[in-house]
Amino acid sequence: MPNTPAAIGKGMLALCAEAGTAEEYLAGVEDLLAPAGRVERIAEGQ
C-alpha cells in the first residue's frame, strides 16, 4: 500500500532503539529516514 505522506516528505516515523545504542548509529538512521518526514525517538512501550 502506498504511503503518500512519506512519498512527499510529510510522514511521521517513530524510532525506538535498545539502551546503549550508539548515538552515531541513531543519528545515521534518522538521516536515512528524514526524507520521508518527521522522525521522533520514542522509548520502548510508547
PDB file of N, CA and C in Angstrom:
ATOM      1  N   MET A   1       0.848  -1.167   0.000  1.00  0.00           N
ATOM      2  CA  MET A   1       0.000   0.000   0.000  1.00  0.00           C
ATOM      3  C   MET A   1       0.903   1.243   0.000  1.00  0.00           C
ATOM      4  N   PRO A   2       0.665   2.170  -0.876  1.00  0.00           N
ATOM      5  CA  PRO A   2       1.481   3.387  -0.941  1.00  0.00           C
ATOM      6  C   PRO A   2       1.329   4.236   0.325  1.00  0.00           C
ATOM      7  N   ASN A   3       2.391   4.884   0.697  1.00  0.00           N
ATOM      8  CA  ASN A   3       2.366   5.803   1.831  1.00  0.00           C
ATOM      9  C   ASN A   3       2.578   7.202   1.266  1.00  0.00           C
ATOM     10  N   THR A   4       1.486   7.838   0.876  1.00  0.00           N
ATOM     11  CA  THR A   4       1.561   9.142   0.220  1.00  0.00           C
ATOM     12  C   THR A   4       2.249  10.199   1.079  1.00  0.00           C
ATOM     13  N   PRO A   5       1.940  10.326   2.381  1.00  0.00           N
ATOM     14  CA  PRO A   5       2.646  11.338   3.171  1.00  0.00           C
ATOM     15  C   PRO A   5       4.168  11.149   3.151  1.00  0.00           C
ATOM     16  N   ALA A   6       4.625   9.920   3.278  1.00  0.00           N
ATOM     17  CA  ALA A   6       6.069   9.660   3.240  1.00  0.00           C
ATOM     18  C   ALA A   6       6.639   9.972   1.863  1.00  0.00           C
ATOM     19  N   ALA A   7       5.876   9.693   0.831  1.00  0.00           N
ATOM     20  CA  ALA A   7       6.348   9.936  -0.532  1.00  0.00           C
ATOM     21  C   ALA A   7       6.580  11.422  -0.803  1.00  0.00           C
ATOM     22  N   ILE A   8       5.856  12.284  -0.088  1.00  0.00           N
ATOM     23  CA  ILE A   8       6.023  13.729  -0.291  1.00  0.00           C
ATOM     24  C   ILE A   8       6.745  14.400   0.883  1.00  0.00           C
ATOM     25  N   GLY A   9       7.370  13.584   1.752  1.00  0.00           N
ATOM     26  CA  GLY A   9       8.162  14.116   2.855  1.00  0.00           C
ATOM     27  C   GLY A   9       7.371  14.637   4.030  1.00  0.00           C
ATOM     28  N   LYS A  10       6.114  14.204   4.158  1.00  0.00           N
ATOM     29  CA  LYS A  10       5.248  14.688   5.236  1.00  0.00           C
ATOM     30  C   LYS A  10       4.818  13.564   6.176  1.00  0.00           C
ATOM     31  N   GLY A  11       5.550  12.456   6.168  1.00  0.00           N
ATOM     32  CA  GLY A  11       5.211  11.321   7.018  1.00  0.00           C
ATOM     33  C   GLY A  11       5.643  11.535   8.462  1.00  0.00           C
ATOM     34  N   MET A  12       5.275  10.598   9.316  1.00  0.00           N
ATOM     35  CA  MET A  12       5.675  10.599  10.725  1.00  0.00           C
ATOM     36  C   MET A  12       6.247   9.232  11.022  1.00  0.00           C
ATOM     37  N   LEU A  13       7.502   9.200  11.476  1.00  0.00           N
ATOM     38  CA  LEU A  13       8.181   7.941  11.745  1.00  0.00           C
ATOM     39  C   LEU A  13       8.637   7.900  13.191  1.00  0.00           C
ATOM     40  N   ALA A  14       8.503   6.743  13.826  1.00  0.00           N
ATOM     41  CA  ALA A  14       8.953   6.559  15.202  1.00  0.00           C
ATOM     42  C   ALA A  14      10.197   5.684  15.196  1.00  0.00           C
ATOM     43  N   LEU A  15      11.171   6.053  16.014  1.00  0.00           N
ATOM     44  CA  LEU A  15      12.430   5.322  16.108  1.00  0.00           C
ATOM     45  C   LEU A  15      12.621   4.897  17.553  1.00  0.00           C
ATOM     46  N   CYS A  16      12.734   3.595  17.767  1.00  0.00           N
ATOM     47  CA  CYS A  16      12.940   3.045  19.098  1.00  0.00           C
ATOM     48  C   CYS A  16      14.161   2.136  19.030  1.00  0.00           C
ATOM     49  N   ALA A  17      15.103   2.323  19.947  1.00  0.00           N
ATOM     50  CA  ALA A  17      16.328   1.522  19.945  1.00  0.00           C
ATOM     51  C   ALA A  17      16.609   1.000  21.349  1.00  0.00           C
ATOM     52  N   GLU A  18      17.396  -0.058  21.402  1.00  0.00           N
ATOM     53  CA  GLU A  18      17.796  -0.616  22.685  1.00  0.00           C
ATOM     54  C   GLU A  18      18.666   0.375  23.450  1.00  0.00           C
ATOM     55  N   ALA A  19      18.619   0.308  24.765  1.00  0.00           N
ATOM     56  CA  ALA A  19      19.504   1.129  25.594  1.00  0.00           C
ATOM     57  C   ALA A  19      20.942   0.806  25.223  1.00  0.00           C
ATOM     58  N   GLY A  20      21.754   1.820  25.149  1.00  0.00           N
ATOM     59  CA  GLY A  20      23.155   1.609  24.818  1.00  0.00           C
ATOM     60  C   GLY A  20      23.466   1.672  23.341  1.00  0.00           C
ATOM     61  N   THR A  21      22.443   1.893  22.504  1.00  0.00           N
ATOM     62  CA  THR A  21      22.690   2.038  21.072  1.00  0.00           C
ATOM     63  C   THR A  21      23.487   3.318  20.846  1.00  0.00           C
ATOM     64  N   ALA A  22      24.529   3.216  20.058  1.00  0.00           N
ATOM     65  CA  ALA A  22      25.420   4.357  19.827  1.00  0.00           C
ATOM     66  C   ALA A  22      24.671   5.529  19.197  1.00  0.00           C
ATOM     67  N   GLU A  23      24.940   6.717  19.700  1.00  0.00           N
ATOM     68  CA  GLU A  23      24.319   7.941  19.181  1.00  0.00           C
ATOM     69  C   GLU A  23      24.616   8.113  17.696  1.00  0.00           C
ATOM     70  N   GLU A  24      25.817   7.750  17.274  1.00  0.00           N
ATOM     71  CA  GLU A  24      26.188   7.875  15.860  1.00  0.00           C
ATOM     72  C   GLU A  24      25.286   6.998  14.985  1.00  0.00           C
ATOM     73  N   TYR A  25      24.957   5.817  15.481  1.00  0.00           N
ATOM     74  CA  TYR A  25      24.081   4.908  14.740  1.00  0.00           C
ATOM     75  C   TYR A  25      22.669   5.494  14.650  1.00  0.00           C
ATOM     76  N   LEU A  26      22.153   5.985  15.776  1.00  0.00           N
ATOM     77  CA  LEU A  26      20.809   6.569  15.782  1.00  0.00           C
ATOM     78  C   LEU A  26      20.730   7.780  14.858  1.00  0.00           C
ATOM     79  N   ALA A  27      21.756   8.611  14.885  1.00  0.00           N
ATOM     80  CA  ALA A  27      21.781   9.783  14.008  1.00  0.00           C
ATOM     81  C   ALA A  27      21.782   9.357  12.545  1.00  0.00           C
ATOM     82  N   GLY A  28      22.501   8.300  12.224  1.00  0.00           N
ATOM     83  CA  GLY A  28      22.522   7.794  10.853  1.00  0.00           C
ATOM     84  C   GLY A  28      21.164   7.275  10.413  1.00  0.00           C
ATOM     85  N   VAL A  29      20.479   6.584  11.314  1.00  0.00           N
ATOM     86  CA  VAL A  29      19.139   6.077  10.999  1.00  0.00           C
ATOM     87  C   VAL A  29      18.177   7.245  10.802  1.00  0.00           C
ATOM     88  N   GLU A  30      18.266   8.256  11.656  1.00  0.00           N
ATOM     89  CA  GLU A  30      17.416   9.439  11.491  1.00  0.00           C
ATOM     90  C   GLU A  30      17.675  10.114  10.149  1.00  0.00           C
ATOM     91  N   ASP A  31      18.942  10.228   9.769  1.00  0.00           N
ATOM     92  CA  ASP A  31      19.283  10.828   8.473  1.00  0.00           C
ATOM     93  C   ASP A  31      18.701  10.017   7.320  1.00  0.00           C
ATOM     94  N   LEU A  32      18.706   8.700   7.465  1.00  0.00           N
ATOM     95  CA  LEU A  32      18.170   7.821   6.428  1.00  0.00           C
ATOM     96  C   LEU A  32      16.654   7.979   6.291  1.00  0.00           C
ATOM     97  N   LEU A  33      15.969   8.137   7.416  1.00  0.00           N
ATOM     98  CA  LEU A  33      14.508   8.231   7.412  1.00  0.00           C
ATOM     99  C   LEU A  33      13.979   9.644   7.159  1.00  0.00           C
ATOM    100  N   ALA A  34      14.774  10.661   7.433  1.00  0.00           N
ATOM    101  CA  ALA A  34      14.329  12.055   7.373  1.00  0.00           C
ATOM    102  C   ALA A  34      13.666  12.474   6.061  1.00  0.00           C
ATOM    103  N   PRO A  35      14.110  12.006   4.900  1.00  0.00           N
ATOM    104  CA  PRO A  35      13.433  12.438   3.674  1.00  0.00           C
ATOM    105  C   PRO A  35      11.949  12.039   3.608  1.00  0.00           C
ATOM    106  N   ALA A  36      11.547  11.052   4.409  1.00  0.00           N
ATOM    107  CA  ALA A  36      10.152  10.616   4.404  1.00  0.00           C
ATOM    108  C   ALA A  36       9.275  11.461   5.314  1.00  0.00           C
ATOM    109  N   GLY A  37       9.885  12.295   6.179  1.00  0.00           N
ATOM    110  CA  GLY A  37       9.097  13.138   7.073  1.00  0.00           C
ATOM    111  C   GLY A  37       9.755  13.315   8.419  1.00  0.00           C
ATOM    112  N   ARG A  38       8.940  13.580   9.415  1.00  0.00           N
ATOM    113  CA  ARG A  38       9.425  13.826  10.776  1.00  0.00           C
ATOM    114  C   ARG A  38       9.796  12.504  11.441  1.00  0.00           C
ATOM    115  N   VAL A  39      10.944  12.477  12.121  1.00  0.00           N
ATOM    116  CA  VAL A  39      11.403  11.292  12.842  1.00  0.00           C
ATOM    117  C   VAL A  39      11.416  11.625  14.329  1.00  0.00           C
ATOM    118  N   GLU A  40      10.728  10.827  15.117  1.00  0.00           N
ATOM    119  CA  GLU A  40      10.636  11.050  16.562  1.00  0.00           C
ATOM    120  C   GLU A  40      11.195   9.829  17.282  1.00  0.00           C
ATOM    121  N   ARG A  41      12.124  10.064  18.195  1.00  0.00           N
ATOM    122  CA  ARG A  41      12.637   8.972  19.028  1.00  0.00           C
ATOM    123  C   ARG A  41      11.641   8.724  20.156  1.00  0.00           C
ATOM    124  N   ILE A  42      11.331   7.461  20.370  1.00  0.00           N
ATOM    125  CA  ILE A  42      10.403   7.103  21.442  1.00  0.00           C
ATOM    126  C   ILE A  42      11.027   6.007  22.299  1.00  0.00           C
ATOM    127  N   ALA A  43      10.559   5.908  23.539  1.00  0.00           N
ATOM    128  CA  ALA A  43      11.012   4.863  24.447  1.00  0.00           C
ATOM    129  C   ALA A  43      10.209   3.588  24.203  1.00  0.00           C
ATOM    130  N   GLU A  44      10.807   2.455  24.516  1.00  0.00           N
ATOM    131  CA  GLU A  44      10.116   1.171  24.415  1.00  0.00           C
ATOM    132  C   GLU A  44       8.834   1.244  25.240  1.00  0.00           C
ATOM    133  N   GLY A  45       7.741   0.768  24.700  1.00  0.00           N
ATOM    134  CA  GLY A  45       6.477   0.762  25.411  1.00  0.00           C
ATOM    135  C   GLY A  45       5.571   1.942  25.095  1.00  0.00           C
ATOM    136  N   GLN A  46       6.045   2.888  24.320  1.00  0.00           N
ATOM    137  CA  GLN A  46       5.197   4.026  23.955  1.00  0.00           C
ATOM    138  C   GLN A  46       4.366   3.684  22.754  1.00  0.00           C
TER     139      GLN A  46
END
